[in-house]
All heavy atoms as atom14 arrays in JSON, in Angstrom:
{
  "sequence": "IPFGAEFDSIVKQRQSEADEFYDAVTPSEQLATEMRKIQRQAFAGM",
  "atom14_mask": [
    [1, 1, 1, 1, 1, 1, 1, 1, 0, 0, 0, 0, 0, 0],
    [1, 1, 1, 1, 1, 1, 1, 0, 0, 0, 0, 0, 0, 0],
    [1, 1, 1, 1, 1, 1, 1, 1, 1, 1, 1, 0, 0, 0],
    [1, 1, 1, 1, 0, 0, 0, 0, 0, 0, 0, 0, 0, 0],
    [1, 1, 1, 1, 1, 0, 0, 0, 0, 0, 0, 0, 0, 0],
    [1, 1, 1, 1, 1, 1, 1, 1, 1, 0, 0, 0, 0, 0],
    [1, 1, 1, 1, 1, 1, 1, 1, 1, 1, 1, 0, 0, 0],
    [1, 1, 1, 1, 1, 1, 1, 1, 0, 0, 0, 0, 0, 0],
    [1, 1, 1, 1, 1, 1, 0, 0, 0, 0, 0, 0, 0, 0],
    [1, 1, 1, 1, 1, 1, 1, 1, 0, 0, 0, 0, 0, 0],
    [1, 1, 1, 1, 1, 1, 1, 0, 0, 0, 0, 0, 0, 0],
    [1, 1, 1, 1, 1, 1, 1, 1, 1, 0, 0, 0, 0, 0],
    [1, 1, 1, 1, 1, 1, 1, 1, 1, 0, 0, 0, 0, 0],
    [1, 1, 1, 1, 1, 1, 1, 1, 1, 1, 1, 0, 0, 0],
    [1, 1, 1, 1, 1, 1, 1, 1, 1, 0, 0, 0, 0, 0],
    [1, 1, 1, 1, 1, 1, 0, 0, 0, 0, 0, 0, 0, 0],
    [1, 1, 1, 1, 1, 1, 1, 1, 1, 0, 0, 0, 0, 0],
    [1, 1, 1, 1, 1, 0, 0, 0, 0, 0, 0, 0, 0, 0],
    [1, 1, 1, 1, 1, 1, 1, 1, 0, 0, 0, 0, 0, 0],
    [1, 1, 1, 1, 1, 1, 1, 1, 1, 0, 0, 0, 0, 0],
    [1, 1, 1, 1, 1, 1, 1, 1, 1, 1, 1, 0, 0, 0],
    [1, 1, 1, 1, 1, 1, 1, 1, 1, 1, 1, 1, 0, 0],
    [1, 1, 1, 1, 1, 1, 1, 1, 0, 0, 0, 0, 0, 0],
    [1, 1, 1, 1, 1, 0, 0, 0, 0, 0, 0, 0, 0, 0],
    [1, 1, 1, 1, 1, 1, 1, 0, 0, 0, 0, 0, 0, 0],
    [1, 1, 1, 1, 1, 1, 1, 0, 0, 0, 0, 0, 0, 0],
    [1, 1, 1, 1, 1, 1, 1, 0, 0, 0, 0, 0, 0, 0],
    [1, 1, 1, 1, 1, 1, 0, 0, 0, 0, 0, 0, 0, 0],
    [1, 1, 1, 1, 1, 1, 1, 1, 1, 0, 0, 0, 0, 0],
    [1, 1, 1, 1, 1, 1, 1, 1, 1, 0, 0, 0, 0, 0],
    [1, 1, 1, 1, 1, 1, 1, 1, 0, 0, 0, 0, 0, 0],
    [1, 1, 1, 1, 1, 0, 0, 0, 0, 0, 0, 0, 0, 0],
    [1, 1, 1, 1, 1, 1, 1, 0, 0, 0, 0, 0, 0, 0],
    [1, 1, 1, 1, 1, 1, 1, 1, 1, 0, 0, 0, 0, 0],
    [1, 1, 1, 1, 1, 1, 1, 1, 0, 0, 0, 0, 0, 0],
    [1, 1, 1, 1, 1, 1, 1, 1, 1, 1, 1, 0, 0, 0],
    [1, 1, 1, 1, 1, 1, 1, 1, 1, 0, 0, 0, 0, 0],
    [1, 1, 1, 1, 1, 1, 1, 1, 0, 0, 0, 0, 0, 0],
    [1, 1, 1, 1, 1, 1, 1, 1, 1, 0, 0, 0, 0, 0],
    [1, 1, 1, 1, 1, 1, 1, 1, 1, 1, 1, 0, 0, 0],
    [1, 1, 1, 1, 1, 1, 1, 1, 1, 0, 0, 0, 0, 0],
    [1, 1, 1, 1, 1, 0, 0, 0, 0, 0, 0, 0, 0, 0],
    [1, 1, 1, 1, 1, 1, 1, 1, 1, 1, 1, 0, 0, 0],
    [1, 1, 1, 1, 1, 0, 0, 0, 0, 0, 0, 0, 0, 0],
    [1, 1, 1, 1, 0, 0, 0, 0, 0, 0, 0, 0, 0, 0],
    [1, 1, 1, 1, 1, 1, 1, 1, 0, 0, 0, 0, 0, 0]
  ],
  "atom14_positions": [
    [[-13.89, -72.34, -49.88], [-12.83, -72.3, -50.9], [-13.33, -71.42, -52.06], [-13.74, -71.93, -53.11], [-12.48, -73.71, -51.41], [-12.2, -74.66, -50.24], [-11.26, -73.65, -52.33], [-11.91, -76.08, -50.66], [0.0, 0.0, 0.0], [0.0, 0.0, 0.0], [0.0, 0.0, 0.0], [0.0, 0.0, 0.0], [0.0, 0.0, 0.0], [0.0, 0.0, 0.0]],
    [[-13.3, -70.1, -51.88], [-13.84, -69.23, -52.94], [-12.97, -69.15, -54.18], [-13.45, -68.74, -55.24], [-13.92, -67.87, -52.23], [-12.89, -67.93, -51.16], [-12.87, -69.36, -50.7], [0.0, 0.0, 0.0], [0.0, 0.0, 0.0], [0.0, 0.0, 0.0], [0.0, 0.0, 0.0], [0.0, 0.0, 0.0], [0.0, 0.0, 0.0], [0.0, 0.0, 0.0]],
    [[-11.69, -69.54, -54.08], [-10.77, -69.37, -55.21], [-10.08, -70.68, -55.6], [-8.94, -70.68, -56.03], [-9.73, -68.31, -54.87], [-10.33, -66.98, -54.5], [-10.27, -66.53, -53.19], [-10.99, -66.21, -55.44], [-10.83, -65.31, -52.83], [-11.55, -64.99, -55.09], [-11.48, -64.55, -53.79], [0.0, 0.0, 0.0], [0.0, 0.0, 0.0], [0.0, 0.0, 0.0]],
    [[-10.78, -71.79, -55.48], [-10.21, -73.08, -55.84], [-10.31, -73.34, -57.33], [-10.51, -72.44, -58.16], [0.0, 0.0, 0.0], [0.0, 0.0, 0.0], [0.0, 0.0, 0.0], [0.0, 0.0, 0.0], [0.0, 0.0, 0.0], [0.0, 0.0, 0.0], [0.0, 0.0, 0.0], [0.0, 0.0, 0.0], [0.0, 0.0, 0.0], [0.0, 0.0, 0.0]],
    [[-10.19, -74.62, -57.68], [-10.24, -75.03, -59.09], [-11.58, -74.68, -59.72], [-11.66, -74.41, -60.93], [-9.97, -76.53, -59.19], [0.0, 0.0, 0.0], [0.0, 0.0, 0.0], [0.0, 0.0, 0.0], [0.0, 0.0, 0.0], [0.0, 0.0, 0.0], [0.0, 0.0, 0.0], [0.0, 0.0, 0.0], [0.0, 0.0, 0.0], [0.0, 0.0, 0.0]],
    [[-12.64, -74.65, -58.91], [-13.97, -74.31, -59.42], [-13.99, -72.91, -60.02], [-14.64, -72.67, -61.04], [-15.0, -74.41, -58.29], [-16.4, -74.02, -58.72], [-17.29, -73.61, -57.55], [-16.76, -73.04, -56.57], [-18.5, -73.84, -57.65], [0.0, 0.0, 0.0], [0.0, 0.0, 0.0], [0.0, 0.0, 0.0], [0.0, 0.0, 0.0], [0.0, 0.0, 0.0]],
    [[-13.28, -71.99, -59.39], [-13.23, -70.6, -59.86], [-12.73, -70.55, -61.31], [-13.38, -69.99, -62.19], [-12.33, -69.77, -58.94], [-12.31, -68.3, -59.25], [-13.02, -67.4, -58.47], [-11.55, -67.8, -60.3], [-12.98, -66.04, -58.74], [-11.51, -66.44, -60.58], [-12.24, -65.56, -59.79], [0.0, 0.0, 0.0], [0.0, 0.0, 0.0], [0.0, 0.0, 0.0]],
    [[-11.57, -71.17, -61.54], [-10.99, -71.16, -62.88], [-11.88, -71.87, -63.89], [-12.01, -71.45, -65.04], [-9.61, -71.81, -62.85], [-8.62, -71.04, -62.0], [-8.75, -69.8, -61.89], [-7.71, -71.67, -61.43], [0.0, 0.0, 0.0], [0.0, 0.0, 0.0], [0.0, 0.0, 0.0], [0.0, 0.0, 0.0], [0.0, 0.0, 0.0], [0.0, 0.0, 0.0]],
    [[-12.52, -72.95, -63.43], [-13.38, -73.72, -64.32], [-14.6, -72.9, -64.76], [-14.99, -72.93, -65.94], [-13.84, -74.99, -63.61], [-14.76, -75.71, -64.39], [0.0, 0.0, 0.0], [0.0, 0.0, 0.0], [0.0, 0.0, 0.0], [0.0, 0.0, 0.0], [0.0, 0.0, 0.0], [0.0, 0.0, 0.0], [0.0, 0.0, 0.0], [0.0, 0.0, 0.0]],
    [[-15.17, -72.14, -63.82], [-16.35, -71.34, -64.15], [-15.98, -70.22, -65.13], [-16.71, -69.95, -66.09], [-16.98, -70.76, -62.87], [-17.57, -71.89, -62.02], [-18.07, -69.74, -63.21], [-17.97, -71.45, -60.62], [0.0, 0.0, 0.0], [0.0, 0.0, 0.0], [0.0, 0.0, 0.0], [0.0, 0.0, 0.0], [0.0, 0.0, 0.0], [0.0, 0.0, 0.0]],
    [[-14.84, -69.57, -64.89], [-14.41, -68.5, -65.8], [-14.24, -69.06, -67.21], [-14.72, -68.47, -68.19], [-13.1, -67.85, -65.3], [-12.56, -66.88, -66.35], [-13.33, -67.12, -63.98], [0.0, 0.0, 0.0], [0.0, 0.0, 0.0], [0.0, 0.0, 0.0], [0.0, 0.0, 0.0], [0.0, 0.0, 0.0], [0.0, 0.0, 0.0], [0.0, 0.0, 0.0]],
    [[-13.56, -70.19, -67.34], [-13.35, -70.78, -68.66], [-14.67, -71.21, -69.29], [-14.87, -71.07, -70.51], [-12.42, -71.98, -68.54], [-10.99, -71.59, -68.2], [-10.1, -72.83, -68.07], [-8.67, -72.43, -67.72], [-7.8, -73.62, -67.54], [0.0, 0.0, 0.0], [0.0, 0.0, 0.0], [0.0, 0.0, 0.0], [0.0, 0.0, 0.0], [0.0, 0.0, 0.0]],
    [[-15.59, -71.71, -68.47], [-16.88, -72.14, -69.0], [-17.67, -70.96, -69.54], [-18.27, -71.04, -70.62], [-17.69, -72.84, -67.9], [-19.05, -73.36, -68.38], [-19.81, -74.08, -67.27], [-19.24, -74.44, -66.25], [-21.1, -74.28, -67.48], [0.0, 0.0, 0.0], [0.0, 0.0, 0.0], [0.0, 0.0, 0.0], [0.0, 0.0, 0.0], [0.0, 0.0, 0.0]],
    [[-17.69, -69.85, -68.81], [-18.43, -68.67, -69.29], [-17.77, -68.09, -70.54], [-18.46, -67.6, -71.44], [-18.52, -67.63, -68.18], [-19.34, -68.07, -66.98], [-20.81, -68.28, -67.34], [-21.58, -68.75, -66.19], [-21.92, -70.02, -65.97], [-21.55, -70.96, -66.84], [-22.6, -70.36, -64.89], [0.0, 0.0, 0.0], [0.0, 0.0, 0.0], [0.0, 0.0, 0.0]],
    [[-16.45, -68.14, -70.62], [-15.76, -67.7, -71.84], [-16.2, -68.57, -73.02], [-16.5, -68.06, -74.11], [-14.25, -67.8, -71.65], [-13.67, -66.8, -70.67], [-12.2, -67.08, -70.36], [-11.73, -68.2, -70.54], [-11.49, -66.08, -69.88], [0.0, 0.0, 0.0], [0.0, 0.0, 0.0], [0.0, 0.0, 0.0], [0.0, 0.0, 0.0], [0.0, 0.0, 0.0]],
    [[-16.22, -69.87, -72.81], [-16.61, -70.81, -73.86], [-18.06, -70.6, -74.28], [-18.39, -70.65, -75.48], [-16.39, -72.24, -73.37], [-16.83, -73.17, -74.33], [0.0, 0.0, 0.0], [0.0, 0.0, 0.0], [0.0, 0.0, 0.0], [0.0, 0.0, 0.0], [0.0, 0.0, 0.0], [0.0, 0.0, 0.0], [0.0, 0.0, 0.0], [0.0, 0.0, 0.0]],
    [[-18.93, -70.35, -73.3], [-20.35, -70.12, -73.61], [-20.54, -68.82, -74.37], [-21.43, -68.74, -75.24], [-21.16, -70.13, -72.32], [-21.25, -71.5, -71.68], [-21.84, -71.47, -70.28], [-22.09, -70.37, -69.75], [-22.06, -72.55, -69.71], [0.0, 0.0, 0.0], [0.0, 0.0, 0.0], [0.0, 0.0, 0.0], [0.0, 0.0, 0.0], [0.0, 0.0, 0.0]],
    [[-19.73, -67.82, -74.07], [-19.79, -66.57, -74.82], [-19.38, -66.82, -76.28], [-20.01, -66.3, -77.22], [-18.89, -65.52, -74.18], [0.0, 0.0, 0.0], [0.0, 0.0, 0.0], [0.0, 0.0, 0.0], [0.0, 0.0, 0.0], [0.0, 0.0, 0.0], [0.0, 0.0, 0.0], [0.0, 0.0, 0.0], [0.0, 0.0, 0.0], [0.0, 0.0, 0.0]],
    [[-18.33, -67.62, -76.47], [-17.91, -67.99, -77.83], [-19.04, -68.7, -78.57], [-19.33, -68.4, -79.74], [-16.68, -68.9, -77.77], [-15.44, -68.21, -77.26], [-15.41, -66.97, -77.27], [-14.5, -68.92, -76.85], [0.0, 0.0, 0.0], [0.0, 0.0, 0.0], [0.0, 0.0, 0.0], [0.0, 0.0, 0.0], [0.0, 0.0, 0.0], [0.0, 0.0, 0.0]],
    [[-19.67, -69.63, -77.88], [-20.74, -70.41, -78.5], [-21.92, -69.53, -78.89], [-22.5, -69.67, -79.98], [-21.2, -71.5, -77.53], [-22.24, -72.45, -78.1], [-22.67, -73.51, -77.1], [-22.18, -73.48, -75.95], [-23.5, -74.36, -77.46], [0.0, 0.0, 0.0], [0.0, 0.0, 0.0], [0.0, 0.0, 0.0], [0.0, 0.0, 0.0], [0.0, 0.0, 0.0]],
    [[-22.26, -68.59, -78.01], [-23.38, -67.68, -78.29], [-23.1, -66.82, -79.51], [-23.94, -66.71, -80.42], [-23.65, -66.8, -77.07], [-24.71, -65.76, -77.29], [-26.06, -66.1, -77.29], [-24.37, -64.44, -77.5], [-27.04, -65.15, -77.51], [-25.35, -63.47, -77.71], [-26.69, -63.83, -77.71], [0.0, 0.0, 0.0], [0.0, 0.0, 0.0], [0.0, 0.0, 0.0]],
    [[-21.91, -66.23, -79.58], [-21.61, -65.34, -80.7], [-21.36, -66.11, -82.0], [-21.6, -65.58, -83.09], [-20.45, -64.41, -80.35], [-20.92, -63.26, -79.48], [-20.57, -63.17, -78.14], [-21.77, -62.28, -80.01], [-21.02, -62.13, -77.36], [-22.23, -61.24, -79.23], [-21.86, -61.17, -77.9], [-22.33, -60.14, -77.11], [0.0, 0.0, 0.0], [0.0, 0.0, 0.0]],
    [[-20.9, -67.36, -81.9], [-20.8, -68.18, -83.1], [-22.19, -68.45, -83.69], [-22.36, -68.54, -84.91], [-20.11, -69.5, -82.78], [-18.61, -69.35, -82.61], [-18.09, -68.3, -83.02], [-17.97, -70.27, -82.06], [0.0, 0.0, 0.0], [0.0, 0.0, 0.0], [0.0, 0.0, 0.0], [0.0, 0.0, 0.0], [0.0, 0.0, 0.0], [0.0, 0.0, 0.0]],
    [[-23.19, -68.57, -82.79], [-24.56, -68.79, -83.26], [-25.19, -67.51, -83.79], [-25.99, -67.53, -84.73], [-25.41, -69.36, -82.12], [0.0, 0.0, 0.0], [0.0, 0.0, 0.0], [0.0, 0.0, 0.0], [0.0, 0.0, 0.0], [0.0, 0.0, 0.0], [0.0, 0.0, 0.0], [0.0, 0.0, 0.0], [0.0, 0.0, 0.0], [0.0, 0.0, 0.0]],
    [[-24.82, -66.38, -83.2], [-25.36, -65.09, -83.64], [-24.89, -64.78, -85.05], [-25.68, -64.34, -85.91], [-24.93, -63.95, -82.67], [-25.24, -62.58, -83.27], [-25.64, -64.11, -81.33], [0.0, 0.0, 0.0], [0.0, 0.0, 0.0], [0.0, 0.0, 0.0], [0.0, 0.0, 0.0], [0.0, 0.0, 0.0], [0.0, 0.0, 0.0], [0.0, 0.0, 0.0]],
    [[-23.61, -65.0, -85.3], [-23.04, -64.73, -86.63], [-22.22, -65.93, -87.08], [-21.04, -66.03, -86.78], [-22.16, -63.47, -86.62], [-22.86, -62.39, -86.02], [-21.77, -63.08, -88.03], [0.0, 0.0, 0.0], [0.0, 0.0, 0.0], [0.0, 0.0, 0.0], [0.0, 0.0, 0.0], [0.0, 0.0, 0.0], [0.0, 0.0, 0.0], [0.0, 0.0, 0.0]],
    [[-22.82, -66.88, -87.77], [-22.1, -68.08, -88.23], [-20.93, -67.72, -89.15], [-20.95, -66.69, -89.84], [-23.18, -68.86, -88.99], [-24.48, -68.35, -88.46], [-24.24, -66.91, -88.14], [0.0, 0.0, 0.0], [0.0, 0.0, 0.0], [0.0, 0.0, 0.0], [0.0, 0.0, 0.0], [0.0, 0.0, 0.0], [0.0, 0.0, 0.0], [0.0, 0.0, 0.0]],
    [[-19.92, -68.57, -89.14], [-18.7, -68.31, -89.9], [-18.96, -68.22, -91.4], [-18.24, -67.51, -92.11], [-17.67, -69.41, -89.62], [-18.21, -70.68, -89.93], [0.0, 0.0, 0.0], [0.0, 0.0, 0.0], [0.0, 0.0, 0.0], [0.0, 0.0, 0.0], [0.0, 0.0, 0.0], [0.0, 0.0, 0.0], [0.0, 0.0, 0.0], [0.0, 0.0, 0.0]],
    [[-19.98, -68.91, -91.89], [-20.24, -68.85, -93.33], [-20.86, -67.52, -93.76], [-20.93, -67.21, -94.94], [-21.15, -70.01, -93.76], [-22.51, -70.03, -93.08], [-22.53, -70.89, -91.84], [-21.42, -71.13, -91.28], [-23.62, -71.33, -91.45], [0.0, 0.0, 0.0], [0.0, 0.0, 0.0], [0.0, 0.0, 0.0], [0.0, 0.0, 0.0], [0.0, 0.0, 0.0]],
    [[-21.31, -66.73, -92.81], [-21.92, -65.44, -93.14], [-20.94, -64.28, -93.08], [-21.14, -63.26, -93.74], [-23.08, -65.16, -92.18], [-24.27, -66.1, -92.34], [-25.43, -65.71, -91.46], [-25.44, -64.66, -90.82], [-26.44, -66.58, -91.4], [0.0, 0.0, 0.0], [0.0, 0.0, 0.0], [0.0, 0.0, 0.0], [0.0, 0.0, 0.0], [0.0, 0.0, 0.0]],
    [[-19.9, -64.43, -92.25], [-18.98, -63.32, -92.07], [-17.58, -63.87, -91.81], [-17.42, -64.87, -91.11], [-19.43, -62.46, -90.88], [-19.11, -60.97, -90.89], [-19.72, -60.28, -92.11], [-19.62, -60.3, -89.62], [0.0, 0.0, 0.0], [0.0, 0.0, 0.0], [0.0, 0.0, 0.0], [0.0, 0.0, 0.0], [0.0, 0.0, 0.0], [0.0, 0.0, 0.0]],
    [[-16.57, -63.23, -92.36], [-15.2, -63.67, -92.18], [-14.78, -63.55, -90.71], [-15.35, -62.77, -89.95], [-14.27, -62.84, -93.06], [0.0, 0.0, 0.0], [0.0, 0.0, 0.0], [0.0, 0.0, 0.0], [0.0, 0.0, 0.0], [0.0, 0.0, 0.0], [0.0, 0.0, 0.0], [0.0, 0.0, 0.0], [0.0, 0.0, 0.0], [0.0, 0.0, 0.0]],
    [[-13.78, -64.32, -90.32], [-13.35, -64.39, -88.93], [-13.01, -63.02, -88.35], [-13.46, -62.67, -87.25], [-12.12, -65.31, -88.8], [-12.48, -66.61, -89.26], [-11.65, -65.39, -87.36], [0.0, 0.0, 0.0], [0.0, 0.0, 0.0], [0.0, 0.0, 0.0], [0.0, 0.0, 0.0], [0.0, 0.0, 0.0], [0.0, 0.0, 0.0], [0.0, 0.0, 0.0]],
    [[-12.23, -62.23, -89.06], [-11.83, -60.92, -88.55], [-13.03, -60.0, -88.4], [-13.12, -59.24, -87.42], [-10.79, -60.29, -89.48], [-10.1, -59.07, -88.89], [-9.31, -59.38, -87.63], [-8.85, -60.53, -87.47], [-9.17, -58.45, -86.8], [0.0, 0.0, 0.0], [0.0, 0.0, 0.0], [0.0, 0.0, 0.0], [0.0, 0.0, 0.0], [0.0, 0.0, 0.0]],
    [[-13.95, -60.05, -89.33], [-15.15, -59.21, -89.25], [-16.04, -59.65, -88.09], [-16.69, -58.81, -87.44], [-15.92, -59.27, -90.56], [-15.21, -58.62, -91.73], [-14.77, -56.89, -91.4], [-16.4, -56.16, -91.25], [0.0, 0.0, 0.0], [0.0, 0.0, 0.0], [0.0, 0.0, 0.0], [0.0, 0.0, 0.0], [0.0, 0.0, 0.0], [0.0, 0.0, 0.0]],
    [[-16.09, -60.95, -87.8], [-16.88, -61.4, -86.66], [-16.27, -60.91, -85.35], [-16.98, -60.59, -84.41], [-16.97, -62.94, -86.67], [-18.0, -63.45, -87.68], [-18.26, -64.94, -87.51], [-17.11, -65.73, -87.91], [-16.55, -66.68, -87.17], [-17.02, -66.94, -85.97], [-15.52, -67.37, -87.62], [0.0, 0.0, 0.0], [0.0, 0.0, 0.0], [0.0, 0.0, 0.0]],
    [[-14.95, -60.85, -85.28], [-14.28, -60.32, -84.09], [-14.63, -58.85, -83.89], [-14.9, -58.4, -82.76], [-12.77, -60.49, -84.21], [-12.29, -61.92, -84.1], [-10.77, -61.98, -84.23], [-10.26, -63.41, -84.11], [-8.78, -63.48, -84.27], [0.0, 0.0, 0.0], [0.0, 0.0, 0.0], [0.0, 0.0, 0.0], [0.0, 0.0, 0.0], [0.0, 0.0, 0.0]],
    [[-14.64, -58.11, -84.98], [-14.97, -56.68, -84.91], [-16.42, -56.5, -84.47], [-16.74, -55.66, -83.62], [-14.7, -56.01, -86.26], [-13.2, -56.0, -86.57], [-15.27, -54.58, -86.28], [-12.86, -55.56, -87.97], [0.0, 0.0, 0.0], [0.0, 0.0, 0.0], [0.0, 0.0, 0.0], [0.0, 0.0, 0.0], [0.0, 0.0, 0.0], [0.0, 0.0, 0.0]],
    [[-17.3, -57.31, -85.05], [-18.72, -57.22, -84.7], [-18.93, -57.56, -83.23], [-19.68, -56.88, -82.52], [-19.54, -58.15, -85.59], [-21.05, -58.06, -85.33], [-21.81, -59.16, -86.04], [-21.54, -60.33, -85.82], [-22.74, -58.78, -86.91], [0.0, 0.0, 0.0], [0.0, 0.0, 0.0], [0.0, 0.0, 0.0], [0.0, 0.0, 0.0], [0.0, 0.0, 0.0]],
    [[-18.25, -58.6, -82.76], [-18.41, -59.02, -81.37], [-17.95, -57.94, -80.4], [-18.6, -57.69, -79.39], [-17.64, -60.32, -81.13], [-17.74, -60.84, -79.71], [-17.23, -62.26, -79.64], [-17.1, -62.76, -78.3], [-16.79, -64.02, -77.99], [-16.57, -64.9, -78.94], [-16.68, -64.41, -76.72], [0.0, 0.0, 0.0], [0.0, 0.0, 0.0], [0.0, 0.0, 0.0]],
    [[-16.84, -57.29, -80.72], [-16.38, -56.22, -79.83], [-17.31, -55.01, -79.91], [-17.48, -54.3, -78.92], [-14.95, -55.81, -80.17], [-14.34, -54.9, -79.11], [-12.85, -54.71, -79.28], [-12.19, -55.43, -80.03], [-12.31, -53.73, -78.58], [0.0, 0.0, 0.0], [0.0, 0.0, 0.0], [0.0, 0.0, 0.0], [0.0, 0.0, 0.0], [0.0, 0.0, 0.0]],
    [[-17.91, -54.79, -81.05], [-18.92, -53.72, -81.16], [-20.11, -54.03, -80.28], [-20.65, -53.14, -79.58], [-19.35, -53.55, -82.61], [0.0, 0.0, 0.0], [0.0, 0.0, 0.0], [0.0, 0.0, 0.0], [0.0, 0.0, 0.0], [0.0, 0.0, 0.0], [0.0, 0.0, 0.0], [0.0, 0.0, 0.0], [0.0, 0.0, 0.0], [0.0, 0.0, 0.0]],
    [[-20.56, -55.28, -80.29], [-21.64, -55.69, -79.38], [-21.23, -55.46, -77.93], [-22.02, -54.99, -77.11], [-21.99, -57.16, -79.6], [-22.76, -57.45, -80.85], [-22.53, -58.62, -81.56], [-23.7, -56.55, -81.33], [-23.23, -58.9, -82.72], [-24.41, -56.83, -82.48], [-24.18, -58.0, -83.19], [0.0, 0.0, 0.0], [0.0, 0.0, 0.0], [0.0, 0.0, 0.0]],
    [[-19.97, -55.8, -77.6], [-19.47, -55.61, -76.24], [-19.56, -54.14, -75.83], [-19.95, -53.82, -74.7], [-18.04, -56.11, -76.13], [0.0, 0.0, 0.0], [0.0, 0.0, 0.0], [0.0, 0.0, 0.0], [0.0, 0.0, 0.0], [0.0, 0.0, 0.0], [0.0, 0.0, 0.0], [0.0, 0.0, 0.0], [0.0, 0.0, 0.0], [0.0, 0.0, 0.0]],
    [[-19.18, -53.26, -76.77], [-19.25, -51.84, -76.46], [-20.65, -51.37, -76.15], [-20.89, -50.57, -75.24], [0.0, 0.0, 0.0], [0.0, 0.0, 0.0], [0.0, 0.0, 0.0], [0.0, 0.0, 0.0], [0.0, 0.0, 0.0], [0.0, 0.0, 0.0], [0.0, 0.0, 0.0], [0.0, 0.0, 0.0], [0.0, 0.0, 0.0], [0.0, 0.0, 0.0]],
    [[-21.61, -51.87, -76.9], [-23.02, -51.49, -76.67], [-23.53, -52.07, -75.35], [-24.26, -51.41, -74.6], [-23.88, -51.94, -77.83], [-23.63, -51.18, -79.13], [-24.8, -51.57, -80.44], [-24.29, -53.24, -80.87], [0.0, 0.0, 0.0], [0.0, 0.0, 0.0], [0.0, 0.0, 0.0], [0.0, 0.0, 0.0], [0.0, 0.0, 0.0], [0.0, 0.0, 0.0]]
  ]
}
């Protein structure tokens, strides 16, 4: 069952873990929400 409920669960989990990692890299008290989004996409580009 390569495309069962586990598939969707893993994708959501990795998305959530990416959020958690970047929240730790740049905490909300250091940078505004919109600027953190810009920084994160800049990291993605690199």
